[in-house]
Amino acid sequence: MRGFLDEIGKQLAGRWMALLTIPGLLFLITTAAARGLGHSMDFSRAADRLRHLTPDHGEPPATLVLSALVVLALATFAGLLAHWMSAALEELWLTPWHLWPAGPLLRNRRRRWARAHWRYQQADQRRELAELAGLAQTAEAHARVAVQQAARRNHIALTRPRHAGWMTDRLDGCGSRIMGEYGLDLDMVWPRMWLLLPEPARTEVRAARERFSQASGLAAWSVLYVVVGCVWWYPTALGGLAAGFLAWTRARRAVGSLADLVESSMDVHSPLLAEHLGVPLPNGRITPAIGATLRERIRKGA
């Protein structure tokens, strides 16, 4: 048991160093160099600044140790700040906002979705008419157009948008589709489903969630670098903006993957939930009526 605890301690220490201290040290070095440059391109000033901050080897060992501890403490503080900002960014990305700026964005997304959906319906109707007329090649051409229009519509949202933000809407749409297909409340059912999922499915879901956390962490560091660039050296801000855009695109992909995995888990493993809760499935699948029974059983009258 002691060896097991020691091994966990080493793993946690390595994770702490990787997630907080090492990026924090890089941020401190960049900040010091940016202060030395002062919106100029004279890199010798940055080198002089870094040499000035580096302790002399002739200093007493206690001074060197104290300087190292101060640097590590500052790096850890920067890492903790980025970690807090990462959590705040996740809330910002996934919170269903109802403030004034969200209204025009939501209406714009709904107009785009409705236009794409109408185009898909038109192409699908032409396909059906061509099939009824026996025009196989024409029907195939309209079918390809319908597939393209459906992809454009689904790129905006899988269901009619309900939120201004794509990531919020993507996760909310996952819950709406599960409710419509099975009559199950995803927020209520998912903790029970998690206990029944096989380990490969859990691993995939954890990996998608970890990718989203990594993207929000990169976005947090990008904000800090933008601040440094605005205050001291502007190219740092450009790098921060580029990192922020990369983090945003990675976060979108991670949320899309997470929503797909959650919905797929419900499609494949939801009958296990009914089986473990003692609800029979006459046709081997969950219908909205059976989903309502499961909701009542899970709610327990609350």
Protein backbone atom coordinates (compact mmCIF):
# COMPACT_ATOMS: atom_id res chain seq x y z
CA MET A 1 0.00 0.00 0.00
CA ARG A 2 2.83 2.41 0.80
CA GLY A 3 4.45 1.87 -2.58
CA PHE A 4 1.10 2.38 -4.28
CA LEU A 5 0.60 5.72 -2.49
CA ASP A 6 4.16 6.82 -3.31
CA GLU A 7 3.62 6.04 -7.00
CA ILE A 8 0.40 8.06 -7.05
CA GLY A 9 2.25 10.92 -5.38
CA LYS A 10 4.93 10.88 -8.08
CA GLN A 11 2.32 10.84 -10.83
CA LEU A 12 0.43 13.75 -9.28
CA ALA A 13 3.66 15.70 -8.83
CA GLY A 14 4.55 15.17 -12.48
CA ARG A 15 1.08 16.24 -13.57
CA TRP A 16 1.29 19.34 -11.36
CA MET A 17 4.65 20.27 -12.92
CA ALA A 18 3.36 19.71 -16.44
CA LEU A 19 0.06 21.56 -16.07
CA LEU A 20 1.10 24.47 -13.86
CA THR A 21 4.79 25.03 -13.23
CA ILE A 22 6.35 24.45 -16.66
CA PRO A 23 3.88 26.66 -18.61
CA GLY A 24 4.15 29.19 -15.78
CA LEU A 25 7.95 29.30 -16.12
CA LEU A 26 7.63 29.87 -19.86
CA PHE A 27 5.15 32.67 -19.20
CA LEU A 28 7.50 34.32 -16.67
CA ILE A 29 10.43 34.17 -19.12
CA THR A 30 8.27 35.63 -21.90
CA THR A 31 7.00 38.40 -19.61
CA ALA A 32 10.52 39.31 -18.51
CA ALA A 33 11.75 39.39 -22.10
CA ALA A 34 8.74 41.47 -23.18
CA ARG A 35 9.40 43.99 -20.41
CA GLY A 36 12.99 44.26 -21.58
CA LEU A 37 11.97 44.81 -25.20
CA GLY A 38 9.36 47.46 -24.39
CA HIS A 39 7.58 47.45 -27.79
CA SER A 40 10.93 47.53 -29.62
CA MET A 41 12.77 44.91 -31.67
CA ASP A 42 16.11 45.32 -29.89
CA PHE A 43 16.56 41.78 -28.59
CA SER A 44 19.77 42.69 -26.80
CA ARG A 45 17.63 44.61 -24.30
CA ALA A 46 15.64 41.47 -23.58
CA ALA A 47 18.85 39.48 -23.13
CA ASP A 48 20.17 42.12 -20.71
CA ARG A 49 16.89 41.97 -18.81
CA LEU A 50 17.06 38.19 -18.46
CA ARG A 51 20.72 38.32 -17.39
CA HIS A 52 19.81 40.91 -14.79
CA LEU A 53 17.08 38.66 -13.39
CA THR A 54 19.27 35.54 -13.38
CA PRO A 55 21.03 35.07 -10.00
CA ASP A 56 24.82 35.13 -10.03
CA HIS A 57 26.54 31.82 -9.34
CA GLY A 58 28.74 33.65 -6.84
CA GLU A 59 25.73 34.24 -4.61
CA PRO A 60 25.42 32.21 -1.41
CA PRO A 61 23.61 28.87 -1.85
CA ALA A 62 20.78 30.05 0.40
CA THR A 63 20.18 33.03 -1.91
CA LEU A 64 20.14 30.79 -4.97
CA VAL A 65 17.69 28.40 -3.34
CA LEU A 66 15.46 31.27 -2.24
CA SER A 67 15.51 32.77 -5.75
CA ALA A 68 14.57 29.40 -7.25
CA LEU A 69 11.72 29.02 -4.77
CA VAL A 70 10.43 32.50 -5.58
CA VAL A 71 10.50 31.75 -9.32
CA LEU A 72 8.71 28.44 -8.80
CA ALA A 73 6.11 30.14 -6.61
CA LEU A 74 5.48 32.80 -9.25
CA ALA A 75 5.28 30.17 -11.98
CA THR A 76 2.83 28.13 -9.91
CA PHE A 77 0.74 31.24 -9.24
CA ALA A 78 0.62 31.96 -12.97
CA GLY A 79 -0.41 28.35 -13.57
CA LEU A 80 -3.16 28.57 -10.95
CA LEU A 81 -4.39 31.81 -12.52
CA ALA A 82 -4.51 30.15 -15.93
CA HIS A 83 -6.31 27.14 -14.40
CA TRP A 84 -8.96 29.42 -12.87
CA MET A 85 -9.35 31.30 -16.14
CA SER A 86 -9.68 27.97 -17.96
CA ALA A 87 -12.64 27.00 -15.76
CA ALA A 88 -14.16 30.45 -16.31
CA LEU A 89 -13.80 30.10 -20.08
CA GLU A 90 -15.53 26.73 -20.00
CA GLU A 91 -18.45 28.35 -18.18
CA LEU A 92 -18.44 31.17 -20.73
CA TRP A 93 -18.47 28.77 -23.67
CA LEU A 94 -21.16 26.45 -22.27
CA THR A 95 -23.49 28.85 -20.43
CA PRO A 96 -26.78 29.59 -22.25
CA TRP A 97 -26.56 33.38 -22.33
CA HIS A 98 -29.72 35.49 -22.50
CA LEU A 99 -28.11 38.94 -22.50
CA TRP A 100 -28.68 41.47 -25.28
CA PRO A 101 -25.72 40.48 -27.53
CA ALA A 102 -26.94 36.87 -27.53
CA GLY A 103 -30.30 37.77 -29.09
CA PRO A 104 -29.03 38.95 -32.51
CA LEU A 105 -26.57 36.06 -32.66
CA LEU A 106 -29.33 33.53 -31.95
CA ARG A 107 -31.66 35.07 -34.54
CA ASN A 108 -28.88 34.99 -37.11
CA ARG A 109 -28.15 31.31 -36.41
CA ARG A 110 -31.85 30.48 -36.64
CA ARG A 111 -32.20 32.27 -39.99
CA ARG A 112 -29.18 30.44 -41.41
CA TRP A 113 -30.44 27.09 -40.09
CA ALA A 114 -33.97 27.64 -41.42
CA ARG A 115 -32.62 28.58 -44.86
CA ALA A 116 -30.37 25.52 -44.98
CA HIS A 117 -33.20 23.28 -43.77
CA TRP A 118 -35.57 24.67 -46.42
CA ARG A 119 -32.99 23.98 -49.13
CA TYR A 120 -32.58 20.44 -47.85
CA GLN A 121 -36.35 19.88 -47.91
CA GLN A 122 -36.60 21.23 -51.45
CA ALA A 123 -33.83 18.93 -52.68
CA ASP A 124 -35.37 15.95 -50.89
CA GLN A 125 -38.80 16.66 -52.41
CA ARG A 126 -37.27 16.87 -55.88
CA ARG A 127 -35.61 13.52 -55.23
CA GLU A 128 -38.94 11.95 -54.27
CA LEU A 129 -40.68 13.36 -57.37
CA ALA A 130 -37.88 12.08 -59.61
CA GLU A 131 -38.14 8.61 -58.05
CA LEU A 132 -41.91 8.58 -58.59
CA ALA A 133 -41.35 9.59 -62.22
CA GLY A 134 -38.81 6.80 -62.68
CA LEU A 135 -35.91 9.18 -63.37
CA ALA A 136 -33.15 7.32 -61.57
CA GLN A 137 -30.24 9.55 -62.57
CA THR A 138 -32.14 12.75 -61.75
CA ALA A 139 -33.19 11.31 -58.40
CA GLU A 140 -29.57 10.41 -57.63
CA ALA A 141 -28.43 13.94 -58.47
CA HIS A 142 -31.08 15.47 -56.20
CA ALA A 143 -30.12 13.00 -53.47
CA ARG A 144 -26.51 14.24 -53.60
CA VAL A 145 -27.74 17.83 -53.35
CA ALA A 146 -29.92 16.89 -50.38
CA VAL A 147 -26.95 15.31 -48.62
CA GLN A 148 -24.89 18.46 -49.19
CA GLN A 149 -27.66 20.72 -47.89
CA ALA A 150 -28.15 18.48 -44.85
CA ALA A 151 -24.44 18.72 -44.09
CA ARG A 152 -24.58 22.52 -44.31
CA ARG A 153 -27.61 22.60 -42.03
CA ASN A 154 -26.02 20.23 -39.51
CA HIS A 155 -22.85 22.32 -39.52
CA ILE A 156 -24.94 25.13 -38.06
CA ALA A 157 -26.88 22.88 -35.66
CA LEU A 158 -28.38 19.39 -35.63
CA THR A 159 -31.69 20.82 -34.42
CA ARG A 160 -33.22 24.28 -34.58
CA PRO A 161 -30.79 26.52 -32.63
CA ARG A 162 -31.84 27.41 -29.11
CA HIS A 163 -28.68 29.23 -28.00
CA ALA A 164 -26.37 31.85 -29.44
CA GLY A 165 -23.20 29.85 -28.85
CA TRP A 166 -22.43 26.82 -31.03
CA MET A 167 -20.90 24.75 -28.22
CA THR A 168 -23.83 25.33 -25.87
CA ASP A 169 -26.26 24.53 -28.64
CA ARG A 170 -24.37 21.37 -29.64
CA LEU A 171 -24.60 19.85 -26.17
CA ASP A 172 -28.17 21.04 -25.71
CA GLY A 173 -29.11 19.58 -29.08
CA CYS A 174 -27.71 16.23 -27.97
CA GLY A 175 -30.10 16.23 -25.02
CA SER A 176 -33.02 17.32 -27.22
CA ARG A 177 -32.43 14.50 -29.70
CA ILE A 178 -32.24 11.91 -26.92
CA MET A 179 -35.45 13.23 -25.38
CA GLY A 180 -37.22 13.15 -28.74
CA GLU A 181 -36.05 9.65 -29.64
CA TYR A 182 -36.20 7.87 -26.25
CA GLY A 183 -38.10 10.21 -23.91
CA LEU A 184 -35.06 10.31 -21.61
CA ASP A 185 -33.76 13.35 -19.76
CA LEU A 186 -30.01 13.25 -20.42
CA ASP A 187 -29.09 15.24 -17.30
CA MET A 188 -31.03 12.80 -15.15
CA VAL A 189 -30.05 9.58 -16.94
CA TRP A 190 -26.37 10.13 -17.67
CA PRO A 191 -25.01 9.49 -14.11
CA ARG A 192 -26.74 6.08 -14.15
CA MET A 193 -25.59 5.36 -17.70
CA TRP A 194 -22.01 6.13 -16.73
CA LEU A 195 -22.08 3.30 -14.20
CA LEU A 196 -23.15 0.86 -16.94
CA LEU A 197 -20.83 1.92 -19.74
CA PRO A 198 -17.98 -0.46 -20.61
CA GLU A 199 -14.47 0.82 -20.04
CA PRO A 200 -13.68 1.50 -23.75
CA ALA A 201 -16.69 3.83 -23.96
CA ARG A 202 -15.69 5.57 -20.74
CA THR A 203 -12.15 6.02 -22.03
CA GLU A 204 -13.38 7.70 -25.20
CA VAL A 205 -15.69 10.05 -23.27
CA ARG A 206 -12.91 10.93 -20.81
CA ALA A 207 -10.52 11.63 -23.69
CA ALA A 208 -12.99 13.99 -25.37
CA ARG A 209 -13.59 15.80 -22.08
CA GLU A 210 -9.83 16.07 -21.53
CA ARG A 211 -9.37 17.57 -24.99
CA PHE A 212 -11.95 20.20 -24.15
CA SER A 213 -10.15 21.01 -20.89
CA GLN A 214 -6.83 21.28 -22.73
CA ALA A 215 -8.39 23.64 -25.27
CA SER A 216 -9.80 25.88 -22.53
CA GLY A 217 -6.40 25.84 -20.81
CA LEU A 218 -4.69 26.95 -24.03
CA ALA A 219 -7.29 29.71 -24.38
CA ALA A 220 -6.54 30.89 -20.83
CA TRP A 221 -2.81 31.11 -21.53
CA SER A 222 -3.55 32.95 -24.79
CA VAL A 223 -5.45 35.63 -22.82
CA LEU A 224 -2.49 36.11 -20.50
CA TYR A 225 -0.08 36.43 -23.43
CA VAL A 226 -2.38 38.96 -25.10
CA VAL A 227 -2.28 41.04 -21.90
CA VAL A 228 1.53 40.89 -21.86
CA GLY A 229 1.61 41.92 -25.49
CA CYS A 230 -0.72 44.86 -24.97
CA VAL A 231 1.28 46.12 -21.98
CA TRP A 232 4.88 45.47 -23.10
CA TRP A 233 5.64 43.82 -26.49
CA TYR A 234 2.96 43.66 -29.19
CA PRO A 235 4.16 40.49 -31.06
CA THR A 236 3.31 38.56 -27.90
CA ALA A 237 -0.30 39.67 -28.33
CA LEU A 238 -0.32 38.40 -31.92
CA GLY A 239 0.94 35.03 -30.75
CA GLY A 240 -1.69 35.00 -28.02
CA LEU A 241 -4.45 35.74 -30.53
CA ALA A 242 -3.24 32.93 -32.79
CA ALA A 243 -3.18 30.53 -29.82
CA GLY A 244 -6.66 31.69 -28.81
CA PHE A 245 -8.07 30.95 -32.26
CA LEU A 246 -6.44 27.51 -32.21
CA ALA A 247 -7.89 26.86 -28.74
CA TRP A 248 -11.37 27.89 -29.90
CA THR A 249 -11.29 25.55 -32.90
CA ARG A 250 -10.00 22.69 -30.73
CA ALA A 251 -12.73 23.34 -28.18
CA ARG A 252 -15.40 23.16 -30.87
CA ARG A 253 -14.05 19.85 -32.15
CA ALA A 254 -13.84 18.46 -28.62
CA VAL A 255 -17.42 19.48 -27.80
CA GLY A 256 -18.68 17.98 -31.06
CA SER A 257 -16.83 14.75 -30.36
CA LEU A 258 -18.10 14.66 -26.77
CA ALA A 259 -21.71 15.19 -27.87
CA ASP A 260 -21.40 12.45 -30.51
CA LEU A 261 -19.93 10.03 -27.98
CA VAL A 262 -22.62 10.72 -25.39
CA GLU A 263 -25.41 10.32 -27.94
CA SER A 264 -23.82 7.16 -29.32
CA SER A 265 -23.48 5.74 -25.82
CA MET A 266 -27.18 6.32 -25.25
CA ASP A 267 -28.06 4.73 -28.61
CA VAL A 268 -26.02 1.61 -27.94
CA HIS A 269 -26.25 1.07 -24.18
CA SER A 270 -29.56 2.63 -23.07
CA PRO A 271 -31.35 -0.77 -23.06
CA LEU A 272 -28.96 -1.75 -20.25
CA LEU A 273 -30.41 1.04 -18.15
CA ALA A 274 -33.95 -0.29 -18.56
CA GLU A 275 -32.76 -3.81 -17.79
CA HIS A 276 -31.00 -2.78 -14.57
CA LEU A 277 -33.98 -0.69 -13.46
CA GLY A 278 -36.40 -3.55 -14.08
CA VAL A 279 -38.34 -1.95 -16.93
CA PRO A 280 -39.20 -4.50 -19.67
CA LEU A 281 -38.55 -3.73 -23.34
CA PRO A 282 -41.17 -5.54 -25.46
CA ASN A 283 -39.43 -4.66 -28.75
CA GLY A 284 -35.89 -4.61 -27.41
CA ARG A 285 -35.62 -0.83 -27.61
CA ILE A 286 -36.60 2.19 -25.54
CA THR A 287 -39.61 4.13 -26.79
CA PRO A 288 -40.75 7.54 -25.51
CA ALA A 289 -43.40 5.80 -23.38
CA ILE A 290 -40.78 3.54 -21.76
CA GLY A 291 -38.52 6.58 -21.39
CA ALA A 292 -41.28 8.30 -19.40
CA THR A 293 -41.47 5.25 -17.12
CA LEU A 294 -37.70 5.37 -16.62
CA ARG A 295 -37.85 9.07 -15.81
CA GLU A 296 -40.47 8.47 -13.15
CA ARG A 297 -38.47 5.62 -11.66
CA ILE A 298 -35.28 7.67 -11.57
CA ARG A 299 -37.07 10.73 -10.19
CA LYS A 300 -38.55 8.63 -7.32
CA GLY A 301 -41.46 11.00 -6.92
CA ALA A 302 -39.26 14.09 -6.52
